PDB file of N, CA and C in Angstrom:
ATOM      1  N   UNK A   1     159.297  69.381 162.555  1.00  0.00           N
ATOM      2  CA  UNK A   1     160.192  69.242 161.420  1.00  0.00           C
ATOM      3  C   UNK A   1     161.548  68.731 161.910  1.00  0.00           C
ATOM      4  N   UNK A   2     162.048  67.751 161.225  1.00  0.00           N
ATOM      5  CA  UNK A   2     163.374  67.252 161.582  1.00  0.00           C
ATOM      6  C   UNK A   2     164.447  67.968 160.762  1.00  0.00           C
ATOM      7  N   UNK A   3     165.691  67.723 161.114  1.00  0.00           N
ATOM      8  CA  UNK A   3     166.803  68.415 160.468  1.00  0.00           C
ATOM      9  C   UNK A   3     166.913  68.086 158.975  1.00  0.00           C
ATOM     10  N   UNK A   4     166.658  66.843 158.616  1.00  0.00           N
ATOM     11  CA  UNK A   4     166.761  66.444 157.215  1.00  0.00           C
ATOM     12  C   UNK A   4     165.730  67.162 156.361  1.00  0.00           C
ATOM     13  N   UNK A   5     164.530  67.346 156.885  1.00  0.00           N
ATOM     14  CA  UNK A   5     163.486  68.043 156.141  1.00  0.00           C
ATOM     15  C   UNK A   5     163.827  69.516 155.958  1.00  0.00           C
ATOM     16  N   UNK A   6     164.382  70.135 156.987  1.00  0.00           N
ATOM     17  CA  UNK A   6     164.776  71.541 156.896  1.00  0.00           C
ATOM     18  C   UNK A   6     165.868  71.711 155.847  1.00  0.00           C
ATOM     19  N   UNK A   7     166.844  70.826 155.843  1.00  0.00           N
ATOM     20  CA  UNK A   7     167.907  70.893 154.847  1.00  0.00           C
ATOM     21  C   UNK A   7     167.374  70.642 153.439  1.00  0.00           C
ATOM     22  N   UNK A   8     166.420  69.732 153.317  1.00  0.00           N
ATOM     23  CA  UNK A   8     165.821  69.447 152.020  1.00  0.00           C
ATOM     24  C   UNK A   8     165.055  70.662 151.494  1.00  0.00           C
ATOM     25  N   UNK A   9     164.307  71.325 152.366  1.00  0.00           N
ATOM     26  CA  UNK A   9     163.567  72.528 151.973  1.00  0.00           C
ATOM     27  C   UNK A   9     164.531  73.638 151.565  1.00  0.00           C
ATOM     28  N   UNK A  10     165.596  73.816 152.310  1.00  0.00           N
ATOM     29  CA  UNK A  10     166.588  74.845 151.979  1.00  0.00           C
ATOM     30  C   UNK A  10     167.287  74.527 150.661  1.00  0.00           C
ATOM     31  N   UNK A  11     167.635  73.274 150.433  1.00  0.00           N
ATOM     32  CA  UNK A  11     168.281  72.872 149.185  1.00  0.00           C
ATOM     33  C   UNK A  11     167.355  73.114 148.004  1.00  0.00           C
ATOM     34  N   UNK A  12     166.093  72.750 148.158  1.00  0.00           N
ATOM     35  CA  UNK A  12     165.130  72.959 147.076  1.00  0.00           C
ATOM     36  C   UNK A  12     164.916  74.449 146.807  1.00  0.00           C
ATOM     37  N   UNK A  13     164.893  75.248 147.853  1.00  0.00           N
ATOM     38  CA  UNK A  13     164.746  76.690 147.686  1.00  0.00           C
ATOM     39  C   UNK A  13     165.916  77.302 146.937  1.00  0.00           C
ATOM     40  N   UNK A  14     167.132  76.872 147.253  1.00  0.00           N
ATOM     41  CA  UNK A  14     168.305  77.373 146.544  1.00  0.00           C
ATOM     42  C   UNK A  14     168.311  76.919 145.085  1.00  0.00           C
ATOM     43  N   UNK A  15     167.886  75.683 144.836  1.00  0.00           N
ATOM     44  CA  UNK A  15     167.835  75.189 143.467  1.00  0.00           C
ATOM     45  C   UNK A  15     166.813  75.981 142.644  1.00  0.00           C
ATOM     46  N   UNK A  16     165.669  76.287 143.238  1.00  0.00           N
ATOM     47  CA  UNK A  16     164.652  77.082 142.544  1.00  0.00           C
ATOM     48  C   UNK A  16     165.170  78.490 142.283  1.00  0.00           C
ATOM     49  N   UNK A  17     165.902  79.056 143.229  1.00  0.00           N
ATOM     50  CA  UNK A  17     166.506  80.372 143.028  1.00  0.00           C
ATOM     51  C   UNK A  17     167.440  80.362 141.822  1.00  0.00           C
ATOM     52  N   UNK A  18     168.235  79.324 141.691  1.00  0.00           N
ATOM     53  CA  UNK A  18     169.147  79.212 140.555  1.00  0.00           C
ATOM     54  C   UNK A  18     168.363  79.057 139.252  1.00  0.00           C
ATOM     55  N   UNK A  19     167.334  78.214 139.248  1.00  0.00           N
ATOM     56  CA  UNK A  19     166.532  78.006 138.042  1.00  0.00           C
ATOM     57  C   UNK A  19     165.828  79.278 137.590  1.00  0.00           C
ATOM     58  N   UNK A  20     165.335  80.042 138.542  1.00  0.00           N
ATOM     59  CA  UNK A  20     164.589  81.247 138.191  1.00  0.00           C
ATOM     60  C   UNK A  20     165.511  82.364 137.714  1.00  0.00           C
ATOM     61  N   UNK A  21     166.671  82.486 138.314  1.00  0.00           N
ATOM     62  CA  UNK A  21     167.568  83.584 137.936  1.00  0.00           C
ATOM     63  C   UNK A  21     168.454  83.255 136.735  1.00  0.00           C
ATOM     64  N   UNK A  22     168.580  81.991 136.376  1.00  0.00           N
ATOM     65  CA  UNK A  22     169.491  81.588 135.306  1.00  0.00           C
ATOM     66  C   UNK A  22     169.186  82.225 133.951  1.00  0.00           C
ATOM     67  N   UNK A  23     167.935  82.272 133.481  1.00  0.00           N
ATOM     68  CA  UNK A  23     167.709  82.859 132.154  1.00  0.00           C
ATOM     69  C   UNK A  23     168.169  84.316 132.051  1.00  0.00           C
ATOM     70  N   UNK A  24     167.916  85.095 133.068  1.00  0.00           N
ATOM     71  CA  UNK A  24     168.322  86.502 133.026  1.00  0.00           C
ATOM     72  C   UNK A  24     169.831  86.654 133.151  1.00  0.00           C
ATOM     73  N   UNK A  25     170.449  85.840 133.985  1.00  0.00           N
ATOM     74  CA  UNK A  25     171.896  85.907 134.132  1.00  0.00           C
ATOM     75  C   UNK A  25     172.604  85.482 132.845  1.00  0.00           C
ATOM     76  N   UNK A  26     172.092  84.458 132.200  1.00  0.00           N
ATOM     77  CA  UNK A  26     172.692  83.999 130.949  1.00  0.00           C
ATOM     78  C   UNK A  26     172.535  85.057 129.865  1.00  0.00           C
ATOM     79  N   UNK A  27     171.359  85.694 129.808  1.00  0.00           N
ATOM     80  CA  UNK A  27     171.152  86.755 128.820  1.00  0.00           C
ATOM     81  C   UNK A  27     172.118  87.910 129.061  1.00  0.00           C
ATOM     82  N   UNK A  28     172.285  88.315 130.303  1.00  0.00           N
ATOM     83  CA  UNK A  28     173.231  89.380 130.617  1.00  0.00           C
ATOM     84  C   UNK A  28     174.654  89.001 130.265  1.00  0.00           C
ATOM     85  N   UNK A  29     175.007  87.748 130.512  1.00  0.00           N
ATOM     86  CA  UNK A  29     176.354  87.266 130.187  1.00  0.00           C
ATOM     87  C   UNK A  29     176.597  87.271 128.685  1.00  0.00           C
ATOM     88  N   UNK A  30     175.639  86.770 127.921  1.00  0.00           N
ATOM     89  CA  UNK A  30     175.791  86.706 126.465  1.00  0.00           C
ATOM     90  C   UNK A  30     175.891  88.106 125.870  1.00  0.00           C
ATOM     91  N   UNK A  31     175.005  89.004 126.286  1.00  0.00           N
ATOM     92  CA  UNK A  31     175.045  90.372 125.767  1.00  0.00           C
ATOM     93  C   UNK A  31     176.358  91.044 126.166  1.00  0.00           C
ATOM     94  N   UNK A  32     176.795  90.840 127.395  1.00  0.00           N
ATOM     95  CA  UNK A  32     178.062  91.415 127.838  1.00  0.00           C
ATOM     96  C   UNK A  32     179.246  90.912 127.031  1.00  0.00           C
ATOM     97  N   UNK A  33     179.258  89.613 126.726  1.00  0.00           N
ATOM     98  CA  UNK A  33     180.346  89.052 125.927  1.00  0.00           C
ATOM     99  C   UNK A  33     180.337  89.580 124.495  1.00  0.00           C
ATOM    100  N   UNK A  34     179.137  89.690 123.913  1.00  0.00           N
ATOM    101  CA  UNK A  34     179.036  90.208 122.548  1.00  0.00           C
ATOM    102  C   UNK A  34     179.516  91.652 122.487  1.00  0.00           C
ATOM    103  N   UNK A  35     179.107  92.460 123.445  1.00  0.00           N
ATOM    104  CA  UNK A  35     179.522  93.861 123.451  1.00  0.00           C
ATOM    105  C   UNK A  35     181.014  93.977 123.757  1.00  0.00           C
ATOM    106  N   UNK A  36     181.543  93.142 124.626  1.00  0.00           N
ATOM    107  CA  UNK A  36     182.975  93.160 124.906  1.00  0.00           C
ATOM    108  C   UNK A  36     183.769  92.784 123.659  1.00  0.00           C
ATOM    109  N   UNK A  37     183.272  91.814 122.910  1.00  0.00           N
ATOM    110  CA  UNK A  37     183.930  91.441 121.659  1.00  0.00           C
ATOM    111  C   UNK A  37     183.874  92.601 120.665  1.00  0.00           C
ATOM    112  N   UNK A  38     182.716  93.245 120.566  1.00  0.00           N
ATOM    113  CA  UNK A  38     182.571  94.410 119.691  1.00  0.00           C
ATOM    114  C   UNK A  38     183.534  95.521 120.103  1.00  0.00           C
ATOM    115  N   UNK A  39     183.642  95.755 121.401  1.00  0.00           N
ATOM    116  CA  UNK A  39     184.549  96.796 121.884  1.00  0.00           C
ATOM    117  C   UNK A  39     186.003  96.436 121.598  1.00  0.00           C
ATOM    118  N   UNK A  40     186.347  95.184 121.716  1.00  0.00           N
ATOM    119  CA  UNK A  40     187.716  94.766 121.444  1.00  0.00           C
ATOM    120  C   UNK A  40     188.048  94.882 119.961  1.00  0.00           C
ATOM    121  N   UNK A  41     187.074  94.560 119.108  1.00  0.00           N
ATOM    122  CA  UNK A  41     187.315  94.632 117.671  1.00  0.00           C
ATOM    123  C   UNK A  41     187.399  96.069 117.166  1.00  0.00           C
ATOM    124  N   UNK A  42     186.585  96.955 117.739  1.00  0.00           N
ATOM    125  CA  UNK A  42     186.557  98.341 117.271  1.00  0.00           C
ATOM    126  C   UNK A  42     187.414  99.270 118.122  1.00  0.00           C
ATOM    127  N   UNK A  43     187.927  98.781 119.211  1.00  0.00           N
ATOM    128  CA  UNK A  43     188.729  99.546 120.162  1.00  0.00           C
ATOM    129  C   UNK A  43     187.964 100.737 120.736  1.00  0.00           C
ATOM    130  N   UNK A  44     186.658 100.595 120.848  1.00  0.00           N
ATOM    131  CA  UNK A  44     185.833 101.577 121.552  1.00  0.00           C
ATOM    132  C   UNK A  44     185.790 101.129 123.012  1.00  0.00           C
ATOM    133  N   UNK A  45     186.361 101.897 123.895  1.00  0.00           N
ATOM    134  CA  UNK A  45     186.454 101.502 125.299  1.00  0.00           C
ATOM    135  C   UNK A  45     185.546 102.371 126.169  1.00  0.00           C
ATOM    136  N   UNK A  46     184.272 102.363 125.858  1.00  0.00           N
ATOM    137  CA  UNK A  46     183.293 103.130 126.627  1.00  0.00           C
ATOM    138  C   UNK A  46     182.655 102.201 127.656  1.00  0.00           C
ATOM    139  N   UNK A  47     182.782 102.530 128.919  1.00  0.00           N
ATOM    140  CA  UNK A  47     182.285 101.660 129.990  1.00  0.00           C
ATOM    141  C   UNK A  47     180.756 101.622 130.043  1.00  0.00           C
ATOM    142  N   UNK A  48     180.109 102.710 129.674  1.00  0.00           N
ATOM    143  CA  UNK A  48     178.651 102.769 129.785  1.00  0.00           C
ATOM    144  C   UNK A  48     177.944 102.132 128.589  1.00  0.00           C
ATOM    145  N   UNK A  49     178.674 101.728 127.568  1.00  0.00           N
ATOM    146  CA  UNK A  49     178.074 101.135 126.375  1.00  0.00           C
ATOM    147  C   UNK A  49     177.381  99.807 126.683  1.00  0.00           C
ATOM    148  N   UNK A  50     177.791  99.127 127.712  1.00  0.00           N
ATOM    149  CA  UNK A  50     177.274  97.796 128.028  1.00  0.00           C
ATOM    150  C   UNK A  50     175.928  97.851 128.734  1.00  0.00           C
ATOM    151  N   UNK A  51     175.662  98.877 129.501  1.00  0.00           N
ATOM    152  CA  UNK A  51     174.528  98.876 130.412  1.00  0.00           C
ATOM    153  C   UNK A  51     173.169  98.834 129.722  1.00  0.00           C
ATOM    154  N   UNK A  52     172.931  99.693 128.764  1.00  0.00           N
ATOM    155  CA  UNK A  52     171.606  99.763 128.137  1.00  0.00           C
ATOM    156  C   UNK A  52     171.258  98.472 127.399  1.00  0.00           C
ATOM    157  N   UNK A  53     172.126  97.916 126.566  1.00  0.00           N
ATOM    158  CA  UNK A  53     171.764  96.646 125.922  1.00  0.00           C
ATOM    159  C   UNK A  53     171.544  95.506 126.925  1.00  0.00           C
ATOM    160  N   UNK A  54     172.336  95.474 127.990  1.00  0.00           N
ATOM    161  CA  UNK A  54     172.137  94.433 129.010  1.00  0.00           C
ATOM    162  C   UNK A  54     170.780  94.582 129.680  1.00  0.00           C
ATOM    163  N   UNK A  55     170.421  95.799 130.042  1.00  0.00           N
ATOM    164  CA  UNK A  55     169.135  96.029 130.702  1.00  0.00           C
ATOM    165  C   UNK A  55     167.987  95.644 129.782  1.00  0.00           C
ATOM    166  N   UNK A  56     168.078  96.010 128.512  1.00  0.00           N
ATOM    167  CA  UNK A  56     167.027  95.665 127.556  1.00  0.00           C
ATOM    168  C   UNK A  56     166.931  94.151 127.388  1.00  0.00           C
ATOM    169  N   UNK A  57     168.060  93.475 127.263  1.00  0.00           N
ATOM    170  CA  UNK A  57     168.056  92.019 127.090  1.00  0.00           C
ATOM    171  C   UNK A  57     167.501  91.319 128.318  1.00  0.00           C
ATOM    172  N   UNK A  58     167.899  91.764 129.497  1.00  0.00           N
ATOM    173  CA  UNK A  58     167.415  91.142 130.730  1.00  0.00           C
ATOM    174  C   UNK A  58     165.915  91.382 130.890  1.00  0.00           C
ATOM    175  N   UNK A  59     165.442  92.590 130.557  1.00  0.00           N
ATOM    176  CA  UNK A  59     164.013  92.880 130.636  1.00  0.00           C
ATOM    177  C   UNK A  59     163.230  92.007 129.663  1.00  0.00           C
ATOM    178  N   UNK A  60     163.735  91.839 128.430  1.00  0.00           N
ATOM    179  CA  UNK A  60     163.072  91.012 127.436  1.00  0.00           C
ATOM    180  C   UNK A  60     162.997  89.551 127.892  1.00  0.00           C
ATOM    181  N   UNK A  61     164.100  89.038 128.414  1.00  0.00           N
ATOM    182  CA  UNK A  61     164.121  87.658 128.902  1.00  0.00           C
ATOM    183  C   UNK A  61     163.209  87.507 130.122  1.00  0.00           C
ATOM    184  N   UNK A  62     163.160  88.526 130.967  1.00  0.00           N
ATOM    185  CA  UNK A  62     162.262  88.491 132.120  1.00  0.00           C
ATOM    186  C   UNK A  62     160.814  88.368 131.677  1.00  0.00           C
ATOM    187  N   UNK A  63     160.422  89.129 130.660  1.00  0.00           N
ATOM    188  CA  UNK A  63     159.046  89.050 130.164  1.00  0.00           C
ATOM    189  C   UNK A  63     158.750  87.671 129.570  1.00  0.00           C
ATOM    190  N   UNK A  64     159.732  87.090 128.894  1.00  0.00           N
ATOM    191  CA  UNK A  64     159.526  85.755 128.322  1.00  0.00           C
ATOM    192  C   UNK A  64     159.488  84.672 129.393  1.00  0.00           C
ATOM    193  N   UNK A  65     160.300  84.814 130.441  1.00  0.00           N
ATOM    194  CA  UNK A  65     160.422  83.771 131.466  1.00  0.00           C
ATOM    195  C   UNK A  65     159.442  83.954 132.616  1.00  0.00           C
ATOM    196  N   UNK A  66     158.683  85.031 132.623  1.00  0.00           N
ATOM    197  CA  UNK A  66     157.790  85.300 133.748  1.00  0.00           C
ATOM    198  C   UNK A  66     156.762  84.190 133.999  1.00  0.00           C
ATOM    199  N   UNK A  67     156.132  83.611 132.983  1.00  0.00           N
ATOM    200  CA  UNK A  67     155.206  82.499 133.268  1.00  0.00           C
ATOM    201  C   UNK A  67     155.898  81.303 133.914  1.00  0.00           C
ATOM    202  N   UNK A  68     157.089  80.959 133.428  1.00  0.00           N
ATOM    203  CA  UNK A  68     157.858  79.863 134.021  1.00  0.00           C
ATOM    204  C   UNK A  68     158.207  80.173 135.473  1.00  0.00           C
ATOM    205  N   UNK A  69     158.626  81.399 135.733  1.00  0.00           N
ATOM    206  CA  UNK A  69     159.004  81.793 137.082  1.00  0.00           C
ATOM    207  C   UNK A  69     157.804  81.722 138.022  1.00  0.00           C
ATOM    208  N   UNK A  70     156.667  82.233 137.562  1.00  0.00           N
ATOM    209  CA  UNK A  70     155.463  82.199 138.389  1.00  0.00           C
ATOM    210  C   UNK A  70     155.000  80.789 138.689  1.00  0.00           C
ATOM    211  N   UNK A  71     155.031  79.928 137.678  1.00  0.00           N
ATOM    212  CA  UNK A  71     154.602  78.541 137.884  1.00  0.00           C
ATOM    213  C   UNK A  71     155.546  77.820 138.842  1.00  0.00           C
ATOM    214  N   UNK A  72     156.841  78.039 138.697  1.00  0.00           N
ATOM    215  CA  UNK A  72     157.825  77.384 139.566  1.00  0.00           C
ATOM    216  C   UNK A  72     157.665  77.843 141.009  1.00  0.00           C
ATOM    217  N   UNK A  73     157.531  79.147 141.205  1.00  0.00           N
ATOM    218  CA  UNK A  73     157.348  79.659 142.569  1.00  0.00           C
ATOM    219  C   UNK A  73     156.014  79.232 143.161  1.00  0.00           C
ATOM    220  N   UNK A  74     154.978  79.153 142.329  1.00  0.00           N
ATOM    221  CA  UNK A  74     153.674  78.692 142.807  1.00  0.00           C
ATOM    222  C   UNK A  74     153.716  77.245 143.274  1.00  0.00           C
ATOM    223  N   UNK A  75     154.387  76.390 142.516  1.00  0.00           N
ATOM    224  CA  UNK A  75     154.517  74.988 142.917  1.00  0.00           C
ATOM    225  C   UNK A  75     155.316  74.861 144.211  1.00  0.00           C
ATOM    226  N   UNK A  76     156.378  75.650 144.322  1.00  0.00           N
ATOM    227  CA  UNK A  76     157.188  75.611 145.542  1.00  0.00           C
ATOM    228  C   UNK A  76     156.367  76.080 146.744  1.00  0.00           C
ATOM    229  N   UNK A  77     155.585  77.121 146.560  1.00  0.00           N
ATOM    230  CA  UNK A  77     154.762  77.628 147.660  1.00  0.00           C
ATOM    231  C   UNK A  77     153.694  76.610 148.062  1.00  0.00           C
ATOM    232  N   UNK A  78     153.130  75.908 147.089  1.00  0.00           N
ATOM    233  CA  UNK A  78     152.147  74.873 147.422  1.00  0.00           C
ATOM    234  C   UNK A  78     152.792  73.756 148.239  1.00  0.00           C
ATOM    235  N   UNK A  79     154.006  73.346 147.865  1.00  0.00           N
ATOM    236  CA  UNK A  79     154.702  72.309 148.645  1.00  0.00           C
ATOM    237  C   UNK A  79     155.002  72.795 150.063  1.00  0.00           C
ATOM    238  N   UNK A  80     155.396  74.070 150.188  1.00  0.00           N
ATOM    239  CA  UNK A  80     155.692  74.608 151.523  1.00  0.00           C
ATOM    240  C   UNK A  80     154.421  74.703 152.369  1.00  0.00           C
ATOM    241  N   UNK A  81     153.312  75.088 151.753  1.00  0.00           N
ATOM    242  CA  UNK A  81     152.042  75.158 152.489  1.00  0.00           C
ATOM    243  C   UNK A  81     151.604  73.757 152.931  1.00  0.00           C
ATOM    244  N   UNK A  82     151.796  72.756 152.086  1.00  0.00           N
ATOM    245  CA  UNK A  82     151.463  71.390 152.466  1.00  0.00           C
ATOM    246  C   UNK A  82     152.334  70.917 153.637  1.00  0.00           C
ATOM    247  N   UNK A  83     153.611  71.285 153.615  1.00  0.00           N
ATOM    248  CA  UNK A  83     154.503  70.925 154.725  1.00  0.00           C
ATOM    249  C   UNK A  83     154.080  71.617 156.018  1.00  0.00           C
ATOM    250  N   UNK A  84     153.660  72.866 155.915  1.00  0.00           N
ATOM    251  CA  UNK A  84     153.215  73.605 157.117  1.00  0.00           C
ATOM    252  C   UNK A  84     151.954  72.978 157.681  1.00  0.00           C
ATOM    253  N   UNK A  85     151.019  72.636 156.808  1.00  0.00           N
ATOM    254  CA  UNK A  85     149.777  72.011 157.274  1.00  0.00           C
ATOM    255  C   UNK A  85     150.048  70.633 157.863  1.00  0.00           C
ATOM    256  N   UNK A  86     150.931  69.876 157.243  1.00  0.00           N
ATOM    257  CA  UNK A  86     151.231  68.521 157.724  1.00  0.00           C
ATOM    258  C   UNK A  86     151.956  68.537 159.058  1.00  0.00           C
ATOM    259  N   UNK A  87     152.793  69.568 159.287  1.00  0.00           N
ATOM    260  CA  UNK A  87     153.546  69.609 160.552  1.00  0.00           C
ATOM    261  C   UNK A  87     152.734  70.233 161.689  1.00  0.00           C
ATOM    262  N   UNK A  88     151.680  70.933 161.345  1.00  0.00           N
ATOM    263  CA  UNK A  88     150.904  71.629 162.372  1.00  0.00           C
ATOM    264  C   UNK A  88     149.813  70.857 162.884  1.00  0.00           C
TER     265      UNK A  88
END
């Protein structure tokens, strides 16, 4: 393996990490912003109010995105296995 190929594999791995984690992070961000807005409007300043809705939203998005995540990781693993076989 040459240096360019190693960097390409690392770049692709980081990009896949971002793609896979983005739906859950966005869901957590949106729920957090909505609850923060609710807290600001009602002046309820309870720190633990955010956790349960965020966990539920992230879990729901995880269940919806799981097929996409599995397919993306499977394709990446197939490319890595092909690279291992080709270099060996």
